[in-house]
Amino acid sequence: SQVITVCQDIADSLDNGDKIDAIII
């Protein structure tokens, strides 16, 4: 569910033409 949430948020942003900065810790 963590991976799905993050991937969906990123996919939605990319679909809107946005770029994402991300850090994995």
PDB file of all heavy atoms in Angstrom:
ATOM      1  N   SER A   1       0.836  -1.208   0.000  1.00  0.00           N
ATOM      2  CA  SER A   1       0.000   0.000   0.000  1.00  0.00           C
ATOM      3  C   SER A   1       0.866   1.252   0.000  1.00  0.00           C
ATOM      4  O   SER A   1       0.491   2.265  -0.601  1.00  0.00           O
ATOM      5  CB  SER A   1      -0.979   0.001   1.183  1.00  0.00           C
ATOM      6  OG  SER A   1      -0.326   0.114   2.427  1.00  0.00           O
ATOM      7  N   GLN A   2       2.034   1.180   0.633  1.00  0.00           N
ATOM      8  CA  GLN A   2       2.957   2.320   0.597  1.00  0.00           C
ATOM      9  C   GLN A   2       3.428   2.557  -0.832  1.00  0.00           C
ATOM     10  O   GLN A   2       3.382   3.675  -1.341  1.00  0.00           O
ATOM     11  CB  GLN A   2       4.168   2.091   1.507  1.00  0.00           C
ATOM     12  CG  GLN A   2       5.155   3.251   1.459  1.00  0.00           C
ATOM     13  CD  GLN A   2       6.575   2.873   1.831  1.00  0.00           C
ATOM     14  OE1 GLN A   2       6.993   1.738   1.644  1.00  0.00           O
ATOM     15  NE2 GLN A   2       7.318   3.835   2.350  1.00  0.00           N
ATOM     16  N   VAL A   3       3.876   1.510  -1.499  1.00  0.00           N
ATOM     17  CA  VAL A   3       4.386   1.627  -2.871  1.00  0.00           C
ATOM     18  C   VAL A   3       3.283   2.104  -3.817  1.00  0.00           C
ATOM     19  O   VAL A   3       3.508   2.992  -4.649  1.00  0.00           O
ATOM     20  CB  VAL A   3       4.986   0.283  -3.353  1.00  0.00           C
ATOM     21  CG1 VAL A   3       5.288   0.317  -4.839  1.00  0.00           C
ATOM     22  CG2 VAL A   3       6.236  -0.058  -2.554  1.00  0.00           C
ATOM     23  N   ILE A   4       2.093   1.557  -3.672  1.00  0.00           N
ATOM     24  CA  ILE A   4       0.977   1.957  -4.542  1.00  0.00           C
ATOM     25  C   ILE A   4       0.650   3.436  -4.345  1.00  0.00           C
ATOM     26  O   ILE A   4       0.446   4.172  -5.318  1.00  0.00           O
ATOM     27  CB  ILE A   4      -0.260   1.066  -4.285  1.00  0.00           C
ATOM     28  CG1 ILE A   4       0.011  -0.351  -4.811  1.00  0.00           C
ATOM     29  CG2 ILE A   4      -1.512   1.661  -4.911  1.00  0.00           C
ATOM     30  CD1 ILE A   4      -1.000  -1.389  -4.363  1.00  0.00           C
ATOM     31  N   THR A   5       0.621   3.885  -3.094  1.00  0.00           N
ATOM     32  CA  THR A   5       0.319   5.296  -2.804  1.00  0.00           C
ATOM     33  C   THR A   5       1.349   6.216  -3.438  1.00  0.00           C
ATOM     34  O   THR A   5       1.006   7.194  -4.111  1.00  0.00           O
ATOM     35  CB  THR A   5       0.257   5.535  -1.283  1.00  0.00           C
ATOM     36  OG1 THR A   5      -0.784   4.729  -0.725  1.00  0.00           O
ATOM     37  CG2 THR A   5       0.002   6.989  -0.952  1.00  0.00           C
ATOM     38  N   VAL A   6       2.621   5.907  -3.236  1.00  0.00           N
ATOM     39  CA  VAL A   6       3.690   6.749  -3.785  1.00  0.00           C
ATOM     40  C   VAL A   6       3.652   6.728  -5.313  1.00  0.00           C
ATOM     41  O   VAL A   6       3.699   7.785  -5.959  1.00  0.00           O
ATOM     42  CB  VAL A   6       5.072   6.299  -3.264  1.00  0.00           C
ATOM     43  CG1 VAL A   6       6.198   7.013  -3.999  1.00  0.00           C
ATOM     44  CG2 VAL A   6       5.179   6.529  -1.763  1.00  0.00           C
ATOM     45  N   CYS A   7       3.546   5.548  -5.904  1.00  0.00           N
ATOM     46  CA  CYS A   7       3.528   5.444  -7.374  1.00  0.00           C
ATOM     47  C   CYS A   7       2.326   6.170  -7.965  1.00  0.00           C
ATOM     48  O   CYS A   7       2.453   6.841  -9.001  1.00  0.00           O
ATOM     49  CB  CYS A   7       3.527   3.981  -7.805  1.00  0.00           C
ATOM     50  SG  CYS A   7       5.116   3.170  -7.537  1.00  0.00           S
ATOM     51  N   GLN A   8       1.170   6.062  -7.327  1.00  0.00           N
ATOM     52  CA  GLN A   8      -0.018   6.744  -7.845  1.00  0.00           C
ATOM     53  C   GLN A   8       0.143   8.265  -7.767  1.00  0.00           C
ATOM     54  O   GLN A   8      -0.196   8.978  -8.714  1.00  0.00           O
ATOM     55  CB  GLN A   8      -1.273   6.315  -7.077  1.00  0.00           C
ATOM     56  CG  GLN A   8      -2.553   6.837  -7.687  1.00  0.00           C
ATOM     57  CD  GLN A   8      -2.768   6.304  -9.101  1.00  0.00           C
ATOM     58  OE1 GLN A   8      -2.803   5.102  -9.322  1.00  0.00           O
ATOM     59  NE2 GLN A   8      -2.899   7.205 -10.069  1.00  0.00           N
ATOM     60  N   ASP A   9       0.681   8.758  -6.641  1.00  0.00           N
ATOM     61  CA  ASP A   9       0.919  10.205  -6.504  1.00  0.00           C
ATOM     62  C   ASP A   9       1.890  10.707  -7.581  1.00  0.00           C
ATOM     63  O   ASP A   9       1.675  11.747  -8.192  1.00  0.00           O
ATOM     64  CB  ASP A   9       1.481  10.539  -5.117  1.00  0.00           C
ATOM     65  CG  ASP A   9       0.432  10.476  -4.028  1.00  0.00           C
ATOM     66  OD1 ASP A   9      -0.760  10.304  -4.330  1.00  0.00           O
ATOM     67  OD2 ASP A   9       0.827  10.602  -2.839  1.00  0.00           O
ATOM     68  N   ILE A  10       2.955   9.952  -7.800  1.00  0.00           N
ATOM     69  CA  ILE A  10       3.946  10.362  -8.803  1.00  0.00           C
ATOM     70  C   ILE A  10       3.346  10.284 -10.207  1.00  0.00           C
ATOM     71  O   ILE A  10       3.521  11.194 -11.018  1.00  0.00           O
ATOM     72  CB  ILE A  10       5.232   9.510  -8.675  1.00  0.00           C
ATOM     73  CG1 ILE A  10       5.948   9.866  -7.363  1.00  0.00           C
ATOM     74  CG2 ILE A  10       6.146   9.711  -9.877  1.00  0.00           C
ATOM     75  CD1 ILE A  10       7.121   8.978  -7.020  1.00  0.00           C
ATOM     76  N   ALA A  11       2.615   9.214 -10.493  1.00  0.00           N
ATOM     77  CA  ALA A  11       1.988   9.073 -11.818  1.00  0.00           C
ATOM     78  C   ALA A  11       1.001  10.213 -12.070  1.00  0.00           C
ATOM     79  O   ALA A  11       0.978  10.781 -13.171  1.00  0.00           O
ATOM     80  CB  ALA A  11       1.283   7.719 -11.925  1.00  0.00           C
ATOM     81  N   ASP A  12       0.201  10.561 -11.068  1.00  0.00           N
ATOM     82  CA  ASP A  12      -0.753  11.671 -11.224  1.00  0.00           C
ATOM     83  C   ASP A  12      -0.022  12.974 -11.518  1.00  0.00           C
ATOM     84  O   ASP A  12      -0.436  13.754 -12.373  1.00  0.00           O
ATOM     85  CB  ASP A  12      -1.614  11.829  -9.967  1.00  0.00           C
ATOM     86  CG  ASP A  12      -2.603  10.687  -9.768  1.00  0.00           C
ATOM     87  OD1 ASP A  12      -2.818   9.899 -10.717  1.00  0.00           O
ATOM     88  OD2 ASP A  12      -3.148  10.584  -8.648  1.00  0.00           O
ATOM     89  N   SER A  13       1.067  13.213 -10.821  1.00  0.00           N
ATOM     90  CA  SER A  13       1.838  14.445 -11.042  1.00  0.00           C
ATOM     91  C   SER A  13       2.451  14.464 -12.434  1.00  0.00           C
ATOM     92  O   SER A  13       2.416  15.487 -13.121  1.00  0.00           O
ATOM     93  CB  SER A  13       2.936  14.575  -9.983  1.00  0.00           C
ATOM     94  OG  SER A  13       2.375  14.810  -8.724  1.00  0.00           O
ATOM     95  N   LEU A  14       3.016  13.352 -12.860  1.00  0.00           N
ATOM     96  CA  LEU A  14       3.616  13.278 -14.197  1.00  0.00           C
ATOM     97  C   LEU A  14       2.557  13.446 -15.276  1.00  0.00           C
ATOM     98  O   LEU A  14       2.802  14.099 -16.302  1.00  0.00           O
ATOM     99  CB  LEU A  14       4.376  11.972 -14.370  1.00  0.00           C
ATOM    100  CG  LEU A  14       5.616  11.801 -13.472  1.00  0.00           C
ATOM    101  CD1 LEU A  14       6.220  10.421 -13.649  1.00  0.00           C
ATOM    102  CD2 LEU A  14       6.643  12.893 -13.734  1.00  0.00           C
ATOM    103  N   ASP A  15       1.354  12.887 -15.050  1.00  0.00           N
ATOM    104  CA  ASP A  15       0.255  13.061 -16.008  1.00  0.00           C
ATOM    105  C   ASP A  15      -0.130  14.533 -16.146  1.00  0.00           C
ATOM    106  O   ASP A  15      -0.572  14.961 -17.209  1.00  0.00           O
ATOM    107  CB  ASP A  15      -0.974  12.254 -15.581  1.00  0.00           C
ATOM    108  CG  ASP A  15      -0.814  10.762 -15.819  1.00  0.00           C
ATOM    109  OD1 ASP A  15       0.133  10.366 -16.541  1.00  0.00           O
ATOM    110  OD2 ASP A  15      -1.626   9.986 -15.281  1.00  0.00           O
ATOM    111  N   ASN A  16       0.039  15.292 -15.079  1.00  0.00           N
ATOM    112  CA  ASN A  16      -0.263  16.731 -15.092  1.00  0.00           C
ATOM    113  C   ASN A  16       0.903  17.561 -15.619  1.00  0.00           C
ATOM    114  O   ASN A  16       0.838  18.784 -15.622  1.00  0.00           O
ATOM    115  CB  ASN A  16      -0.632  17.221 -13.689  1.00  0.00           C
ATOM    116  CG  ASN A  16      -1.940  16.660 -13.209  1.00  0.00           C
ATOM    117  OD1 ASN A  16      -2.820  16.356 -13.999  1.00  0.00           O
ATOM    118  ND2 ASN A  16      -2.076  16.521 -11.902  1.00  0.00           N
ATOM    119  N   GLY A  17       1.986  16.889 -16.018  1.00  0.00           N
ATOM    120  CA  GLY A  17       3.153  17.597 -16.534  1.00  0.00           C
ATOM    121  C   GLY A  17       4.072  18.138 -15.446  1.00  0.00           C
ATOM    122  O   GLY A  17       4.986  18.905 -15.731  1.00  0.00           O
ATOM    123  N   ASP A  18       3.838  17.744 -14.201  1.00  0.00           N
ATOM    124  CA  ASP A  18       4.682  18.195 -13.096  1.00  0.00           C
ATOM    125  C   ASP A  18       5.912  17.311 -12.965  1.00  0.00           C
ATOM    126  O   ASP A  18       5.913  16.157 -13.398  1.00  0.00           O
ATOM    127  CB  ASP A  18       3.903  18.139 -11.773  1.00  0.00           C
ATOM    128  CG  ASP A  18       2.682  19.034 -11.761  1.00  0.00           C
ATOM    129  OD1 ASP A  18       2.757  20.139 -12.331  1.00  0.00           O
ATOM    130  OD2 ASP A  18       1.653  18.622 -11.184  1.00  0.00           O
ATOM    131  N   LYS A  19       6.949  17.856 -12.387  1.00  0.00           N
ATOM    132  CA  LYS A  19       8.145  17.084 -12.053  1.00  0.00           C
ATOM    133  C   LYS A  19       8.149  16.888 -10.542  1.00  0.00           C
ATOM    134  O   LYS A  19       7.580  17.684  -9.801  1.00  0.00           O
ATOM    135  CB  LYS A  19       9.396  17.811 -12.516  1.00  0.00           C
ATOM    136  CG  LYS A  19       9.464  17.918 -14.025  1.00  0.00           C
ATOM    137  CD  LYS A  19      10.745  18.512 -14.494  1.00  0.00           C
ATOM    138  CE  LYS A  19      10.685  18.554 -16.020  1.00  0.00           C
ATOM    139  NZ  LYS A  19      11.927  18.930 -16.601  1.00  0.00           N
ATOM    140  N   ILE A  20       8.824  15.839 -10.107  1.00  0.00           N
ATOM    141  CA  ILE A  20       8.838  15.469  -8.690  1.00  0.00           C
ATOM    142  C   ILE A  20      10.273  15.374  -8.194  1.00  0.00           C
ATOM    143  O   ILE A  20      11.129  14.797  -8.869  1.00  0.00           O
ATOM    144  CB  ILE A  20       8.173  14.082  -8.480  1.00  0.00           C
ATOM    145  CG1 ILE A  20       6.735  14.079  -8.949  1.00  0.00           C
ATOM    146  CG2 ILE A  20       8.290  13.608  -7.050  1.00  0.00           C
ATOM    147  CD1 ILE A  20       5.767  14.720  -8.016  1.00  0.00           C
ATOM    148  N   ASP A  21      10.526  15.934  -7.025  1.00  0.00           N
ATOM    149  CA  ASP A  21      11.765  15.673  -6.291  1.00  0.00           C
ATOM    150  C   ASP A  21      11.430  14.636  -5.232  1.00  0.00           C
ATOM    151  O   ASP A  21      10.393  14.753  -4.555  1.00  0.00           O
ATOM    152  CB  ASP A  21      12.288  16.938  -5.606  1.00  0.00           C
ATOM    153  CG  ASP A  21      12.877  17.936  -6.589  1.00  0.00           C
ATOM    154  OD1 ASP A  21      13.412  17.507  -7.618  1.00  0.00           O
ATOM    155  OD2 ASP A  21      12.800  19.147  -6.312  1.00  0.00           O
ATOM    156  N   ALA A  22      12.275  13.624  -5.086  1.00  0.00           N
ATOM    157  CA  ALA A  22      11.986  12.566  -4.112  1.00  0.00           C
ATOM    158  C   ALA A  22      13.256  12.129  -3.400  1.00  0.00           C
ATOM    159  O   ALA A  22      14.350  12.156  -3.975  1.00  0.00           O
ATOM    160  CB  ALA A  22      11.351  11.366  -4.805  1.00  0.00           C
ATOM    161  N   ILE A  23      13.064  11.735  -2.156  1.00  0.00           N
ATOM    162  CA  ILE A  23      14.143  11.182  -1.338  1.00  0.00           C
ATOM    163  C   ILE A  23      13.611   9.898  -0.730  1.00  0.00           C
ATOM    164  O   ILE A  23      12.492   9.874  -0.195  1.00  0.00           O
ATOM    165  CB  ILE A  23      14.545  12.145  -0.200  1.00  0.00           C
ATOM    166  CG1 ILE A  23      15.002  13.488  -0.750  1.00  0.00           C
ATOM    167  CG2 ILE A  23      15.610  11.524   0.684  1.00  0.00           C
ATOM    168  CD1 ILE A  23      15.157  14.551   0.333  1.00  0.00           C
ATOM    169  N   ILE A  24      14.406   8.844  -0.789  1.00  0.00           N
ATOM    170  CA  ILE A  24      14.035   7.572  -0.160  1.00  0.00           C
ATOM    171  C   ILE A  24      15.027   7.317   0.969  1.00  0.00           C
ATOM    172  O   ILE A  24      16.240   7.361   0.762  1.00  0.00           O
ATOM    173  CB  ILE A  24      14.056   6.416  -1.180  1.00  0.00           C
ATOM    174  CG1 ILE A  24      13.062   6.713  -2.305  1.00  0.00           C
ATOM    175  CG2 ILE A  24      13.752   5.092  -0.498  1.00  0.00           C
ATOM    176  CD1 ILE A  24      13.120   5.749  -3.463  1.00  0.00           C
ATOM    177  N   ILE A  25      14.491   7.056   2.162  1.00  0.00           N
ATOM    178  CA  ILE A  25      15.337   6.907   3.345  1.00  0.00           C
ATOM    179  C   ILE A  25      15.022   5.591   4.052  1.00  0.00           C
ATOM    180  O   ILE A  25      13.852   5.245   4.240  1.00  0.00           O
ATOM    181  CB  ILE A  25      15.111   8.070   4.343  1.00  0.00           C
ATOM    182  CG1 ILE A  25      15.429   9.406   3.676  1.00  0.00           C
ATOM    183  CG2 ILE A  25      15.931   7.873   5.612  1.00  0.00           C
ATOM    184  CD1 ILE A  25      15.002  10.613   4.493  1.00  0.00           C
TER     185      ILE A  25
END
